[in-house]
Amino acid sequence: MSTKPTEAGSVKEGSYLMIDGEPCKIVEVEKSKTGKHGSAKVRIVGIGVFDNVKRTLIVPTDAQVEVPIIEKFVAQVVAKVGDSWQLMDLRNYTTFEIASNQVEEDVREKIEPGIEVEVWDIAGRRKVMRVR
């Protein structure tokens, strides 16, 4: 999988993190102080990039967590095929399909054949994030 390890205490709101094997955008980070017996903990709340489910992770601040490597590229919308969109990667001109539910909500009404969109590839899964 395309992830890199980082220390849990160094994550910030707005960044991305793998929680329960799902890439999530961090919306809240809360750090607790060290107690009499034990280490400081960090509580991280994230919303899934692909399923919009809220997930929570509570770990010691020095624990290793996985940060997904996000590959961003531009694609051109070719056609609407049933309940999905056919896109062409403008780096190597290969075509691929992406389900309509893998398109950001605010982009869904703007998407039409011929326009260029920004696609994020996270851990082998793709999502259309915005219109270029």
C-alpha atoms as a PDB file:
ATOM      1  CA  MET A   1       0.000   0.000   0.000  1.00  0.00           C
ATOM      2  CA  SER A   2       1.191   3.547  -0.652  1.00  0.00           C
ATOM      3  CA  THR A   3       1.623   4.949   2.845  1.00  0.00           C
ATOM      4  CA  LYS A   4       4.459   6.339   4.921  1.00  0.00           C
ATOM      5  CA  PRO A   5       4.847   6.154   8.709  1.00  0.00           C
ATOM      6  CA  THR A   6       4.822   9.242  10.891  1.00  0.00           C
ATOM      7  CA  GLU A   7       4.555   9.999  14.588  1.00  0.00           C
ATOM      8  CA  ALA A   8       0.976  10.460  15.875  1.00  0.00           C
ATOM      9  CA  GLY A   9       1.900  13.553  17.882  1.00  0.00           C
ATOM     10  CA  SER A  10       2.994  15.419  14.749  1.00  0.00           C
ATOM     11  CA  VAL A  11      -0.260  15.174  12.726  1.00  0.00           C
ATOM     12  CA  LYS A  12      -2.224  18.367  12.077  1.00  0.00           C
ATOM     13  CA  GLU A  13      -5.830  19.210  11.243  1.00  0.00           C
ATOM     14  CA  GLY A  14      -6.433  19.277   7.488  1.00  0.00           C
ATOM     15  CA  SER A  15      -3.852  16.590   6.727  1.00  0.00           C
ATOM     16  CA  TYR A  16      -4.636  12.975   5.813  1.00  0.00           C
ATOM     17  CA  LEU A  17      -4.214   9.770   7.816  1.00  0.00           C
ATOM     18  CA  MET A  18      -5.109   6.087   7.507  1.00  0.00           C
ATOM     19  CA  ILE A  19      -7.660   5.189  10.209  1.00  0.00           C
ATOM     20  CA  ASP A  20      -8.955   1.585  10.229  1.00  0.00           C
ATOM     21  CA  GLY A  21      -7.377   1.051   6.786  1.00  0.00           C
ATOM     22  CA  GLU A  22      -9.336   3.945   5.259  1.00  0.00           C
ATOM     23  CA  PRO A  23      -7.792   7.277   4.138  1.00  0.00           C
ATOM     24  CA  CYS A  24      -9.312  10.095   6.225  1.00  0.00           C
ATOM     25  CA  LYS A  25      -9.036  13.886   6.333  1.00  0.00           C
ATOM     26  CA  ILE A  26      -8.220  14.943   9.885  1.00  0.00           C
ATOM     27  CA  VAL A  27     -10.818  17.340  11.305  1.00  0.00           C
ATOM     28  CA  GLU A  28      -9.826  17.317  14.991  1.00  0.00           C
ATOM     29  CA  VAL A  29      -6.643  16.624  16.984  1.00  0.00           C
ATOM     30  CA  GLU A  30      -6.738  16.606  20.779  1.00  0.00           C
ATOM     31  CA  LYS A  31      -3.644  15.932  22.904  1.00  0.00           C
ATOM     32  CA  SER A  32      -3.756  14.920  26.570  1.00  0.00           C
ATOM     33  CA  LYS A  33      -0.971  15.438  29.082  1.00  0.00           C
ATOM     34  CA  THR A  34       1.081  12.637  30.557  1.00  0.00           C
ATOM     35  CA  GLY A  35      -0.377  11.076  33.674  1.00  0.00           C
ATOM     36  CA  LYS A  36       1.275   9.616  36.750  1.00  0.00           C
ATOM     37  CA  HIS A  37       1.566   6.225  35.021  1.00  0.00           C
ATOM     38  CA  GLY A  38       1.749   6.422  31.261  1.00  0.00           C
ATOM     39  CA  SER A  39       2.431   8.548  28.255  1.00  0.00           C
ATOM     40  CA  ALA A  40       0.606  11.416  26.588  1.00  0.00           C
ATOM     41  CA  LYS A  41      -2.187  10.373  24.243  1.00  0.00           C
ATOM     42  CA  VAL A  42      -3.527  11.947  21.077  1.00  0.00           C
ATOM     43  CA  ARG A  43      -7.165  11.647  19.939  1.00  0.00           C
ATOM     44  CA  ILE A  44      -7.534  12.061  16.176  1.00  0.00           C
ATOM     45  CA  VAL A  45     -10.929  12.414  14.460  1.00  0.00           C
ATOM     46  CA  GLY A  46     -11.042  11.977  10.698  1.00  0.00           C
ATOM     47  CA  ILE A  47     -13.679  11.788   7.972  1.00  0.00           C
ATOM     48  CA  GLY A  48     -13.225   9.124   5.289  1.00  0.00           C
ATOM     49  CA  VAL A  49     -12.260  10.445   1.863  1.00  0.00           C
ATOM     50  CA  PHE A  50     -14.239   7.789  -0.012  1.00  0.00           C
ATOM     51  CA  ASP A  51     -17.173   7.052   2.343  1.00  0.00           C
ATOM     52  CA  ASN A  52     -17.526  10.233   4.496  1.00  0.00           C
ATOM     53  CA  VAL A  53     -17.643   8.125   7.702  1.00  0.00           C
ATOM     54  CA  LYS A  54     -16.316   9.731  10.898  1.00  0.00           C
ATOM     55  CA  ARG A  55     -13.526   7.675  12.519  1.00  0.00           C
ATOM     56  CA  THR A  56     -11.599   8.163  15.755  1.00  0.00           C
ATOM     57  CA  LEU A  57      -8.072   7.007  16.610  1.00  0.00           C
ATOM     58  CA  ILE A  58      -6.626   7.214  20.137  1.00  0.00           C
ATOM     59  CA  VAL A  59      -2.913   6.357  20.419  1.00  0.00           C
ATOM     60  CA  PRO A  60       0.172   7.469  22.397  1.00  0.00           C
ATOM     61  CA  THR A  61       1.798  10.561  20.882  1.00  0.00           C
ATOM     62  CA  ASP A  62       4.980   8.628  20.040  1.00  0.00           C
ATOM     63  CA  ALA A  63       3.098   5.805  18.210  1.00  0.00           C
ATOM     64  CA  GLN A  64       3.658   5.339  14.478  1.00  0.00           C
ATOM     65  CA  VAL A  65       0.617   6.005  12.244  1.00  0.00           C
ATOM     66  CA  GLU A  66       0.252   5.614   8.482  1.00  0.00           C
ATOM     67  CA  VAL A  67      -0.096   8.685   6.234  1.00  0.00           C
ATOM     68  CA  PRO A  68      -1.455   7.917   2.734  1.00  0.00           C
ATOM     69  CA  ILE A  69       0.557   9.066  -0.259  1.00  0.00           C
ATOM     70  CA  ILE A  70      -1.864  11.033  -2.441  1.00  0.00           C
ATOM     71  CA  GLU A  71      -1.106  11.137  -6.160  1.00  0.00           C
ATOM     72  CA  LYS A  72      -2.899  14.010  -7.884  1.00  0.00           C
ATOM     73  CA  PHE A  73      -3.310  14.189 -11.644  1.00  0.00           C
ATOM     74  CA  VAL A  74      -5.473  15.822 -14.303  1.00  0.00           C
ATOM     75  CA  ALA A  75      -7.946  13.863 -16.389  1.00  0.00           C
ATOM     76  CA  GLN A  76     -10.412  14.822 -19.097  1.00  0.00           C
ATOM     77  CA  VAL A  77     -14.032  13.685 -18.920  1.00  0.00           C
ATOM     78  CA  VAL A  78     -14.791  11.598 -22.023  1.00  0.00           C
ATOM     79  CA  ALA A  79     -18.369  10.368 -21.519  1.00  0.00           C
ATOM     80  CA  LYS A  80     -21.114   9.369 -19.087  1.00  0.00           C
ATOM     81  CA  VAL A  81     -21.479   5.562 -19.066  1.00  0.00           C
ATOM     82  CA  GLY A  82     -24.522   4.459 -17.066  1.00  0.00           C
ATOM     83  CA  ASP A  83     -23.914   5.463 -13.443  1.00  0.00           C
ATOM     84  CA  SER A  84     -20.207   6.209 -13.942  1.00  0.00           C
ATOM     85  CA  TRP A  85     -17.918   8.563 -15.840  1.00  0.00           C
ATOM     86  CA  GLN A  86     -15.243   7.611 -18.339  1.00  0.00           C
ATOM     87  CA  LEU A  87     -12.076   9.694 -17.887  1.00  0.00           C
ATOM     88  CA  MET A  88      -8.806   9.957 -19.792  1.00  0.00           C
ATOM     89  CA  ASP A  89      -5.579  10.408 -17.836  1.00  0.00           C
ATOM     90  CA  LEU A  90      -3.760  13.329 -19.483  1.00  0.00           C
ATOM     91  CA  ARG A  91      -0.330  12.014 -18.407  1.00  0.00           C
ATOM     92  CA  ASN A  92      -0.405   8.817 -20.483  1.00  0.00           C
ATOM     93  CA  TYR A  93      -3.793   9.030 -22.295  1.00  0.00           C
ATOM     94  CA  THR A  94      -5.216   5.843 -20.775  1.00  0.00           C
ATOM     95  CA  THR A  95      -8.941   5.728 -20.077  1.00  0.00           C
ATOM     96  CA  PHE A  96     -10.623   4.528 -16.897  1.00  0.00           C
ATOM     97  CA  GLU A  97     -14.074   4.626 -15.346  1.00  0.00           C
ATOM     98  CA  ILE A  98     -15.011   6.187 -12.037  1.00  0.00           C
ATOM     99  CA  ALA A  99     -18.358   5.700 -10.267  1.00  0.00           C
ATOM    100  CA  SER A 100     -20.584   8.752  -9.802  1.00  0.00           C
ATOM    101  CA  ASN A 101     -20.388   8.339  -6.016  1.00  0.00           C
ATOM    102  CA  GLN A 102     -16.577   8.801  -6.274  1.00  0.00           C
ATOM    103  CA  VAL A 103     -17.058  12.382  -7.472  1.00  0.00           C
ATOM    104  CA  GLU A 104     -17.153  15.184  -4.863  1.00  0.00           C
ATOM    105  CA  GLU A 105     -20.721  16.444  -4.337  1.00  0.00           C
ATOM    106  CA  ASP A 106     -20.027  20.047  -5.400  1.00  0.00           C
ATOM    107  CA  VAL A 107     -18.366  18.782  -8.617  1.00  0.00           C
ATOM    108  CA  ARG A 108     -21.222  16.443  -9.658  1.00  0.00           C
ATOM    109  CA  GLU A 109     -23.398  19.174 -11.195  1.00  0.00           C
ATOM    110  CA  LYS A 110     -20.417  20.803 -12.981  1.00  0.00           C
ATOM    111  CA  ILE A 111     -19.039  17.630 -14.579  1.00  0.00           C
ATOM    112  CA  GLU A 112     -19.721  17.096 -18.281  1.00  0.00           C
ATOM    113  CA  PRO A 113     -17.841  15.613 -21.273  1.00  0.00           C
ATOM    114  CA  GLY A 114     -14.855  17.689 -22.424  1.00  0.00           C
ATOM    115  CA  ILE A 115     -13.896  19.349 -19.130  1.00  0.00           C
ATOM    116  CA  GLU A 116     -10.736  18.658 -17.144  1.00  0.00           C
ATOM    117  CA  VAL A 117     -10.893  17.456 -13.537  1.00  0.00           C
ATOM    118  CA  GLU A 118      -8.362  16.808 -10.774  1.00  0.00           C
ATOM    119  CA  VAL A 119      -8.278  13.149  -9.702  1.00  0.00           C
ATOM    120  CA  TRP A 120      -6.735  11.874  -6.474  1.00  0.00           C
ATOM    121  CA  ASP A 121      -5.297   8.351  -6.408  1.00  0.00           C
ATOM    122  CA  ILE A 122      -5.055   7.151  -2.791  1.00  0.00           C
ATOM    123  CA  ALA A 123      -4.013   3.557  -2.081  1.00  0.00           C
ATOM    124  CA  GLY A 124      -5.164   2.395  -5.514  1.00  0.00           C
ATOM    125  CA  ARG A 125      -8.599   4.057  -5.282  1.00  0.00           C
ATOM    126  CA  ARG A 126      -9.547   7.154  -7.280  1.00  0.00           C
ATOM    127  CA  LYS A 127     -11.807  10.118  -6.584  1.00  0.00           C
ATOM    128  CA  VAL A 128     -12.597  13.255  -8.611  1.00  0.00           C
ATOM    129  CA  MET A 129     -11.960  16.202  -6.279  1.00  0.00           C
ATOM    130  CA  ARG A 130     -12.469  19.367  -8.356  1.00  0.00           C
ATOM    131  CA  VAL A 131     -12.925  20.879 -11.799  1.00  0.00           C
ATOM    132  CA  ARG A 132      -9.795  22.475 -13.272  1.00  0.00           C
END
